[in-house]
Protein backbone atom coordinates (compact mmCIF):
# COMPACT_ATOMS: atom_id res chain seq x y z
CA MET A 1 5.64 -6.01 -7.02
CA LYS A 2 5.81 -5.16 -3.26
CA VAL A 3 5.06 -7.88 -0.63
CA TYR A 4 3.61 -6.77 2.68
CA LYS A 5 3.31 -9.10 5.79
CA PHE A 6 1.04 -8.28 8.73
CA GLY A 7 1.31 -10.45 11.88
CA GLY A 8 -1.21 -11.37 14.24
CA ALA A 9 -0.80 -8.56 16.52
CA SER A 10 -1.75 -6.09 13.70
CA VAL A 11 -5.07 -7.88 13.09
CA LYS A 12 -5.96 -9.01 16.59
CA ASP A 13 -9.35 -7.06 16.65
CA ALA A 14 -11.69 -4.93 14.46
CA ASP A 15 -9.50 -1.84 15.03
CA GLY A 16 -6.46 -3.62 13.92
CA VAL A 17 -8.09 -4.72 10.77
CA LYS A 18 -9.16 -1.02 10.20
CA ASN A 19 -5.72 0.21 10.94
CA LEU A 20 -4.37 -2.27 8.13
CA VAL A 21 -6.70 -0.36 5.78
CA HIS A 22 -5.12 2.89 7.11
CA VAL A 23 -1.69 1.63 6.43
CA LEU A 24 -2.54 0.53 2.84
CA ASN A 25 -4.10 3.80 2.12
CA THR A 26 -1.11 5.68 3.51
CA VAL A 27 1.73 3.78 1.85
CA GLY A 28 -0.12 2.51 -1.20
CA TYR A 29 -1.15 -0.76 -2.54
CA LYS A 30 -0.66 -0.66 -6.12
CA ASP A 31 0.91 -4.04 -7.47
CA THR A 32 0.98 -5.29 -3.97
CA LEU A 33 0.47 -8.80 -2.26
CA VAL A 34 -0.46 -8.93 1.35
CA VAL A 35 0.48 -11.87 3.59
CA ILE A 36 -1.50 -12.20 6.78
CA SER A 37 -1.06 -14.36 9.94
CA ALA A 38 -3.76 -15.61 12.21
CA MET A 39 -5.52 -13.03 14.35
CA GLY A 40 -4.15 -12.28 17.72
CA LYS A 41 -3.35 -15.51 19.80
CA THR A 42 -5.54 -17.82 17.43
CA THR A 43 -2.66 -20.13 16.79
CA ASN A 44 -2.14 -20.59 20.56
CA ALA A 45 -5.90 -21.20 20.89
CA LEU A 46 -5.99 -23.78 18.12
CA GLU A 47 -3.02 -25.47 19.87
CA ASP A 48 -5.21 -25.90 22.86
CA VAL A 49 -7.90 -27.43 20.56
CA ILE A 50 -5.32 -29.93 19.34
CA LYS A 51 -4.31 -30.91 22.80
CA ASN A 52 -7.84 -31.29 23.87
CA TYR A 53 -8.53 -33.50 20.92
CA PHE A 54 -5.58 -35.85 21.47
CA GLN A 55 -6.35 -36.05 25.30
CA LYS A 56 -10.03 -36.63 24.66
CA ASP A 57 -10.62 -33.70 26.90
CA PRO A 58 -14.35 -32.68 27.45
CA ALA A 59 -13.29 -29.14 26.79
CA PHE A 60 -12.53 -29.96 23.16
CA GLN A 61 -15.74 -28.73 21.67
CA SER A 62 -15.97 -25.59 23.77
CA SER A 63 -12.27 -24.84 22.94
CA ILE A 64 -13.31 -24.71 19.17
CA GLN A 65 -16.42 -22.62 20.11
CA GLU A 66 -14.09 -20.07 21.95
CA VAL A 67 -12.13 -19.62 18.83
CA LYS A 68 -15.39 -19.15 16.71
CA LYS A 69 -16.67 -16.62 19.36
CA TYR A 70 -13.52 -14.57 19.14
CA HIS A 71 -13.74 -14.36 15.17
CA ASN A 72 -17.49 -13.67 15.30
CA SER A 73 -16.88 -10.68 17.78
CA ILE A 74 -14.47 -9.19 15.14
CA LEU A 75 -16.96 -9.77 12.41
CA LEU A 76 -19.71 -8.10 14.34
CA ASP A 77 -17.51 -5.10 14.81
CA LEU A 78 -16.55 -4.93 11.13
CA PHE A 79 -19.79 -5.67 9.30
CA GLU A 80 -23.08 -3.96 10.33
CA ASP A 81 -25.21 -6.31 8.18
CA ASP A 82 -25.12 -9.78 9.78
CA SER A 83 -26.52 -11.13 6.66
CA HIS A 84 -23.21 -10.23 4.89
CA GLU A 85 -21.81 -13.27 3.08
CA ILE A 86 -18.64 -13.34 5.28
CA PHE A 87 -20.62 -14.76 8.10
CA GLU A 88 -21.51 -17.84 6.21
CA LYS A 89 -17.86 -18.13 4.90
CA VAL A 90 -16.61 -18.06 8.38
CA ASP A 91 -19.15 -20.60 9.53
CA GLY A 92 -18.23 -22.80 6.61
CA LEU A 93 -14.61 -22.73 7.77
CA PHE A 94 -15.52 -23.79 11.25
CA ASN A 95 -17.67 -26.59 9.74
CA GLU A 96 -14.75 -27.74 7.70
CA LEU A 97 -12.61 -27.81 10.91
CA LYS A 98 -15.11 -29.80 12.83
CA GLY A 99 -15.51 -32.20 9.83
CA PHE A 100 -11.73 -32.85 9.87
CA PHE A 101 -11.76 -33.99 13.44
CA ASP A 102 -14.95 -36.22 12.78
CA ARG A 103 -13.17 -37.81 9.93
CA ASN A 104 -9.52 -38.00 11.08
CA LYS A 105 -8.10 -41.50 11.82
CA SER A 106 -4.43 -40.45 11.91
CA PRO A 107 -2.65 -40.65 15.28
CA ASP A 108 0.15 -38.45 13.85
CA TYR A 109 0.12 -35.30 16.07
CA ASN A 110 2.25 -33.32 13.55
CA TYR A 111 -0.19 -34.10 10.61
CA VAL A 112 -3.19 -33.18 12.71
CA TYR A 113 -1.48 -30.04 13.89
CA ASP A 114 -0.97 -28.69 10.39
CA GLN A 115 -4.37 -29.54 9.24
CA THR A 116 -5.80 -27.75 12.26
CA ILE A 117 -3.62 -24.77 12.80
CA SER A 118 -4.10 -23.62 9.17
CA TYR A 119 -7.68 -22.41 9.96
CA GLY A 120 -6.16 -19.50 11.80
CA GLU A 121 -4.82 -18.05 8.65
CA LEU A 122 -7.65 -19.08 6.48
CA LEU A 123 -10.13 -17.13 8.79
CA SER A 124 -7.93 -14.05 9.18
CA THR A 125 -7.44 -13.67 5.51
CA THR A 126 -11.05 -14.44 4.54
CA ILE A 127 -12.31 -11.81 7.04
CA VAL A 128 -9.72 -9.13 6.00
CA SER A 129 -10.27 -9.67 2.34
CA ALA A 130 -14.09 -9.25 2.73
CA TYR A 131 -13.55 -6.04 4.76
CA LEU A 132 -11.20 -4.54 2.32
CA ASN A 133 -13.65 -5.15 -0.40
CA GLN A 134 -16.32 -3.63 1.64
CA VAL A 135 -14.25 -0.28 2.13
CA GLY A 136 -13.38 -0.13 -1.59
CA LEU A 137 -10.05 -1.88 -1.70
CA THR A 138 -10.87 -4.42 -4.20
CA ASN A 139 -8.58 -7.55 -3.72
CA THR A 140 -8.12 -11.15 -4.96
CA TRP A 141 -8.17 -13.79 -2.18
CA LEU A 142 -5.51 -16.49 -2.82
CA ASP A 143 -5.11 -20.03 -1.20
CA VAL A 144 -1.36 -20.08 -0.54
CA ARG A 145 -1.68 -23.81 -0.22
CA GLU A 146 -2.24 -23.94 -4.02
CA MET A 147 1.02 -21.94 -4.49
CA ILE A 148 3.65 -23.21 -2.11
CA LYS A 149 4.30 -26.81 -2.37
CA THR A 150 6.36 -28.74 0.16
CA ASP A 151 7.40 -32.20 1.37
CA ASN A 152 5.32 -33.86 4.12
CA TYR A 153 7.68 -32.84 7.00
CA TYR A 154 4.72 -31.51 8.97
CA ARG A 155 5.22 -28.46 11.25
CA ARG A 156 8.55 -27.54 9.52
CA ALA A 157 8.01 -28.45 5.85
CA ASN A 158 10.65 -27.88 3.21
CA VAL A 159 9.71 -25.92 0.00
CA ASP A 160 9.74 -27.38 -3.42
CA TRP A 161 11.17 -24.11 -5.07
CA GLU A 162 10.81 -25.09 -8.73
CA LEU A 163 7.15 -26.17 -8.64
CA THR A 164 6.36 -23.36 -6.04
CA GLY A 165 7.84 -20.71 -8.47
CA ASN A 166 5.85 -22.03 -11.31
CA LEU A 167 2.55 -21.97 -9.38
CA ILE A 168 3.07 -18.60 -7.88
CA ARG A 169 3.83 -17.01 -11.17
CA GLU A 170 0.83 -18.82 -12.67
CA LYS A 171 -1.71 -17.85 -9.97
CA VAL A 172 -0.68 -14.43 -8.83
CA ASN A 173 -1.80 -11.31 -10.90
CA PRO A 174 0.86 -8.77 -10.04
CA ASN A 175 -1.26 -5.81 -11.27
CA VAL A 176 -3.86 -6.10 -8.47
CA LEU A 177 -4.05 -6.15 -4.71
CA ASN A 178 -3.66 -9.89 -3.57
CA ILE A 179 -4.47 -11.23 -0.17
CA THR A 180 -3.02 -14.66 1.01
CA GLN A 181 -2.16 -16.62 4.12
CA GLY A 182 1.37 -16.77 5.79
CA PHE A 183 2.89 -19.99 7.26
CA LEU A 184 1.04 -22.51 5.15
CA GLY A 185 1.78 -24.92 2.21
CA SER A 186 0.81 -28.18 0.96
CA ASP A 187 2.38 -31.60 0.24
CA PRO A 188 2.27 -33.63 -2.88
CA ASN A 189 -1.06 -35.19 -1.64
CA ASN A 190 -2.51 -31.62 -0.98
CA PHE A 191 -2.55 -32.03 2.70
CA THR A 192 -1.75 -28.87 4.44
CA THR A 193 1.78 -28.37 5.79
CA THR A 194 3.31 -25.43 7.84
CA LEU A 195 6.72 -23.71 7.52
CA GLY A 196 7.34 -23.53 11.29
CA ARG A 197 6.11 -21.12 13.92
CA GLU A 198 6.44 -17.48 12.77
CA GLY A 199 6.74 -18.73 9.31
CA SER A 200 4.56 -16.00 7.71
CA ASP A 201 7.76 -13.81 7.14
CA TYR A 202 9.16 -16.74 5.21
CA THR A 203 6.07 -16.88 2.99
CA ALA A 204 6.47 -13.29 2.11
CA ALA A 205 10.02 -13.94 1.28
CA ILE A 206 9.13 -17.00 -0.78
CA ILE A 207 6.61 -15.07 -2.87
CA ALA A 208 8.88 -12.16 -3.30
CA TYR A 209 11.73 -14.34 -4.44
CA CYS A 210 9.47 -16.14 -6.96
CA LEU A 211 7.94 -12.88 -8.41
CA ASN A 212 11.32 -11.04 -8.40
CA GLY A 213 9.65 -8.61 -5.88
CA GLU A 214 10.71 -4.96 -5.35
CA SER A 215 10.77 -5.39 -1.55
CA VAL A 216 9.28 -7.29 1.33
CA THR A 217 7.88 -5.12 4.32
CA ILE A 218 7.11 -6.84 7.63
CA TRP A 219 4.59 -4.59 9.61
CA LYS A 220 4.96 -4.92 13.36
CA ASP A 221 4.05 -3.08 16.60
CA VAL A 222 7.76 -1.98 17.10
CA PRO A 223 9.36 0.78 15.27
CA GLY A 224 11.83 -1.59 13.45
CA VAL A 225 14.48 -4.13 14.41
CA LEU A 226 15.82 -3.45 17.82
CA ASN A 227 19.13 -4.49 19.27
CA ALA A 228 17.30 -6.32 22.09
CA ASP A 229 13.83 -7.62 22.87
CA PRO A 230 12.35 -4.69 25.16
CA ARG A 231 10.39 -7.55 27.12
CA TYR A 232 13.65 -8.76 28.50
CA PHE A 233 16.07 -5.86 28.16
CA GLU A 234 16.01 -2.35 29.22
CA ASN A 235 17.06 0.63 26.84
CA ALA A 236 16.54 -1.29 23.53
CA GLN A 237 17.78 0.76 20.71
CA GLN A 238 16.51 0.68 17.10
CA LEU A 239 18.79 -0.58 14.28
CA ASN A 240 18.37 1.61 11.26
CA LYS A 241 20.34 -0.50 8.84
CA ILE A 242 21.61 -4.19 8.84
CA SER A 243 23.38 -6.27 6.16
CA TYR A 244 21.78 -9.54 5.18
CA THR A 245 24.76 -11.31 6.77
CA GLU A 246 24.21 -9.74 10.06
CA ALA A 247 20.50 -10.20 9.99
CA ILE A 248 20.97 -13.86 9.21
CA GLU A 249 23.28 -14.23 12.18
CA LEU A 250 20.82 -12.49 14.50
CA ALA A 251 18.01 -14.69 13.23
CA PHE A 252 20.03 -17.77 13.58
CA TYR A 253 20.79 -17.03 17.29
CA GLY A 254 17.03 -16.37 17.92
CA ALA A 255 16.11 -12.73 17.35
CA SER A 256 12.49 -12.74 17.21
CA VAL A 257 11.77 -9.91 14.76
CA ILE A 258 12.95 -11.89 11.58
CA HIS A 259 12.25 -15.48 10.87
CA PRO A 260 15.49 -17.51 10.26
CA LYS A 261 14.65 -18.77 6.87
CA THR A 262 13.22 -15.32 5.67
CA LEU A 263 16.53 -13.77 4.57
CA GLN A 264 18.15 -16.48 2.49
CA PRO A 265 15.71 -16.12 -0.50
CA LEU A 266 15.79 -12.34 -0.33
CA GLN A 267 19.63 -12.20 -0.26
CA GLY A 268 19.82 -14.40 -3.30
CA LYS A 269 18.10 -11.76 -5.37
CA GLU A 270 19.12 -8.71 -3.24
CA ILE A 271 15.48 -7.94 -2.42
CA PRO A 272 15.43 -5.41 0.39
CA LEU A 273 13.56 -6.40 3.62
CA LEU A 274 11.97 -3.48 5.51
CA VAL A 275 10.56 -3.73 9.13
CA ARG A 276 8.19 -0.90 9.93
CA SER A 277 5.69 -0.03 12.39
CA PHE A 278 1.92 -0.42 11.64
CA LEU A 279 1.32 2.27 14.17
CA LYS A 280 3.52 4.82 12.44
CA PRO A 281 3.49 3.74 8.81
CA THR A 282 5.37 6.85 7.62
CA ASP A 283 8.39 6.22 9.69
CA PRO A 284 11.31 4.59 7.83
CA GLY A 285 11.78 1.56 10.19
CA THR A 286 14.66 -0.68 9.63
CA THR A 287 16.20 -1.68 6.23
CA VAL A 288 18.02 -5.08 5.76
CA GLY A 289 20.00 -5.22 2.49
CA ARG A 290 23.27 -5.84 0.84
CA GLY A 291 26.62 -4.55 2.33
CA ILE A 292 25.07 -1.95 4.56
CA GLY A 293 26.62 -3.00 7.84
CA LEU A 294 25.07 -2.31 11.26
CA GLU A 295 23.82 1.20 11.96
CA PRO A 296 24.35 2.10 14.71
CA GLU A 297 27.17 -0.21 15.82
CA VAL A 298 26.00 -1.52 19.22
CA PRO A 299 25.96 -4.80 20.93
CA CYS A 300 22.78 -6.88 20.17
CA PHE A 301 21.28 -9.02 22.83
CA ILE A 302 19.16 -12.14 22.24
CA VAL A 303 17.60 -14.60 24.85
CA LYS A 304 15.89 -17.91 24.15
CA LYS A 305 14.01 -19.24 27.09
CA ASN A 306 12.97 -22.86 27.89
CA GLN A 307 16.11 -24.48 26.69
CA ILE A 308 17.51 -27.70 27.67
CA LEU A 309 21.32 -28.27 28.42
CA ILE A 310 22.57 -31.79 28.02
CA SER A 311 26.16 -32.72 29.22
CA LEU A 312 27.59 -35.94 28.09
CA SER A 313 30.83 -37.85 29.11
CA SER A 314 31.93 -41.37 28.38
CA LEU A 315 31.20 -44.07 30.85
CA ASP A 316 34.81 -45.22 31.08
CA PHE A 317 36.41 -41.72 30.96
CA SER A 318 37.71 -42.18 27.55
CA TYR A 319 38.06 -39.40 25.03
CA ILE A 320 34.97 -38.01 23.24
CA VAL A 321 36.07 -38.55 19.53
CA GLU A 322 34.59 -38.08 16.17
CA GLU A 323 32.70 -41.43 16.40
CA ASN A 324 31.00 -40.53 19.74
CA ILE A 325 30.11 -37.01 18.34
CA SER A 326 28.67 -38.46 15.09
CA GLU A 327 26.47 -40.71 17.15
CA ILE A 328 25.28 -37.88 19.36
CA PHE A 329 24.30 -35.85 16.37
CA ARG A 330 22.51 -38.88 14.78
CA HIS A 331 20.28 -39.06 17.94
CA LEU A 332 19.75 -35.23 17.88
CA SER A 333 18.69 -35.50 14.33
CA THR A 334 16.51 -38.53 14.95
CA TYR A 335 14.50 -36.74 17.78
CA LYS A 336 14.36 -33.46 15.79
CA MET A 337 16.27 -31.37 18.34
CA LYS A 338 17.00 -27.79 17.37
CA VAL A 339 20.69 -27.42 18.39
CA ASP A 340 21.64 -23.93 19.58
CA VAL A 341 25.19 -24.29 21.28
CA ILE A 342 27.70 -27.10 21.31
CA GLN A 343 30.87 -27.25 23.41
CA ASN A 344 33.36 -30.14 23.88
CA SER A 345 36.51 -30.93 25.55
CA ALA A 346 38.56 -34.27 25.66
CA ILE A 347 36.14 -36.18 27.84
CA SER A 348 32.90 -34.26 27.79
CA PHE A 349 30.38 -32.88 25.20
CA SER A 350 27.65 -30.24 26.10
CA VAL A 351 24.70 -29.12 23.85
CA CYS A 352 21.93 -26.71 24.43
CA VAL A 353 18.84 -27.67 22.54
CA ASP A 354 15.36 -26.48 21.92
CA ASP A 355 12.90 -29.48 22.17
CA ILE A 356 10.25 -28.36 19.71
CA TYR A 357 8.78 -31.85 19.31
CA ASN A 358 8.79 -32.87 23.04
CA ASN A 359 11.13 -35.85 22.45
CA ILE A 360 13.64 -35.16 25.15
CA ASP A 361 12.81 -38.15 27.23
CA GLN A 362 13.36 -40.63 24.38
CA LEU A 363 16.56 -38.75 23.35
CA LEU A 364 18.00 -39.05 26.93
CA GLN A 365 17.07 -42.82 27.06
CA HIS A 366 19.09 -43.60 23.96
CA LEU A 367 21.99 -41.36 25.13
CA LYS A 368 22.30 -42.98 28.47
CA ALA A 369 22.96 -46.42 26.95
CA LYS A 370 26.34 -45.10 25.77
CA PHE A 371 27.27 -42.12 28.07
CA LYS A 372 26.91 -40.56 31.41
CA VAL A 373 24.30 -37.91 30.91
CA SER A 374 23.19 -34.91 32.91
CA CYS A 375 20.19 -32.81 31.85
CA THR A 376 19.22 -29.35 33.01
CA LYS A 377 15.72 -28.15 31.88
CA ASP A 378 14.35 -24.73 31.66
CA VAL A 379 17.63 -22.85 31.02
CA ALA A 380 18.12 -19.59 29.19
CA LEU A 381 20.41 -19.09 26.32
CA TYR A 382 21.78 -15.52 25.95
CA THR A 383 23.61 -14.33 22.90
CA ILE A 384 25.48 -11.13 22.42
CA ARG A 385 26.51 -10.09 19.04
CA HIS A 386 29.33 -7.37 18.88
CA TYR A 387 29.92 -7.77 22.62
CA SER A 388 31.85 -5.63 24.85
CA ASP A 389 33.26 -6.35 28.39
CA ALA A 390 30.44 -4.17 29.89
CA ALA A 391 27.75 -6.06 27.97
CA ILE A 392 29.03 -9.46 29.08
CA LYS A 393 29.22 -8.17 32.70
CA GLN A 394 25.67 -6.84 32.34
CA MET A 395 24.50 -10.24 31.09
CA GLU A 396 26.13 -12.26 33.79
CA SER A 397 24.84 -10.23 36.72
CA ASP A 398 22.67 -12.17 39.05
CA LYS A 399 22.67 -15.21 36.94
CA GLU A 400 24.40 -18.83 37.38
CA VAL A 401 26.32 -19.31 34.19
CA LEU A 402 26.33 -23.05 33.22
CA LEU A 403 28.12 -22.71 29.88
CA LYS A 404 29.92 -19.90 28.20
CA GLN A 405 31.46 -19.68 24.73
CA LEU A 406 33.09 -16.63 22.94
CA THR A 407 34.09 -16.20 19.22
CA GLN A 408 35.43 -13.04 17.66
CA GLN A 409 31.93 -11.48 17.38
CA THR A 410 29.66 -13.38 19.44
CA VAL A 411 29.40 -14.67 23.04
CA GLN A 412 26.87 -17.12 24.13
CA MET A 413 26.11 -18.30 27.66
CA VAL A 414 23.65 -20.74 29.20
CA THR A 415 22.26 -19.62 32.56
CA LYS A 416 19.91 -20.87 35.22
C-alpha cells in the first residue's frame, strides 16, 4: 500500500483540491491511503479562535464565522448544487465546534487546543472525500482518531504503537482509496489529541509502518528536499537522495520539509520516503532511504527563528557541575522547553530553547532562585550540516553571534 500526504498548501482553495485529483489521476491511486492536512491557514485561524475564547474577546464568534466562510467559499467553487449533502456535513462540523465551546468547563488550554484545532483536518478531509466521490474517485473516509491512539499529552501526544497498529490493520481496507486526517489521534478517554504542529507527515509514517507500506510520499509546493529554505537563503539546491540518518539529523535541527518524528518508523521497516511536487507530479523529487548518502554533497542550511537564549552562572562563581546541570534540565523538562543547543564551561551554562508552551517567565523565575540568569529573546538559531569555511563566513555576515558550536559535521550559531 502507498501512503500519500497532502499539506495545507496543496488544498488551500478549490483549484488545489482539483489539482489533488489531477495528481492522483497522474500517478495512480490503487491501494492508496491519502492523509490530508487542514486547508490553507485554517490551523492558524483556529488558533485565533482559541485565543479569543480564552480572552473572552468579542471577536470570538466572528472568528469562527471567518473559518466557516472560508470553507464555504471552497464548497461553492467545488459543488454546483448547493443542496449537495456536503453542505449539511460541513454545517454539522461547525455546530459540533460551537457545541464544544458551549459545553466546555476545562480551563486547560492544551486540552481545548486539541479539541478545537482538529476541526481543520475534519473539514478538509470531509470536503476532499466528497469531491473525489463526485468526480468518480470512489473513496472511504476514515476518522484517524479511531485508529491512532495516544496518551493525553495534549498538543504533543505519544503514540500507543501496539493498540494503534491493531486498530489501523482492522479499520483500513488496503484495496481501496482511503482518505483520512493528519496530525490527530485520541487518548484513552477518546478525547482528541494532536501529534505536534506539522504532524501530518508523522501520521503518514505511522500508518505506513503499521500497514508495512510500500512508500510514503509527501506532496509539497517545492520540487523536493532543498539544502536550504528559499525564504531565508538564496540559491537553494534540490537534494536528490538523502539517507535516513542524514534526514533525521536535518529534521532534528529544524529542517521544515520533514517532521522530526516522521523518519523513525519508516527507517525501522526501510520504507522509502519521497518528497515530490504537487505542481509537477511526474518529477522524481527527493528520495529518503537506507544507505544512499547525500546527493549532491553540499552544505545544508537551517534556521529557526523566535528562539530564546538563556545563560546561567552560579551566584558564588562556583563550578557548574553535574548536580547543577541536572537541576537545570529538570526545570527545562517541567516547563516543556524544546532544547536546541547547549554549551557549558566551568562556571557557565547556556541553552537555546523553543518556548512552545509560553512558559519562559515561570522557568526564569525558578532558575533565578539558584543561578545568575540572563535571557535574550527573539534570537535566531542557524545550523549548517557539512559546513565549509565559506559557508560559515556567509552565515556570520552582518550578524551578531551570541553562541557558536562546531562538531565534525555540524556548526550551530545563535545570532541576534
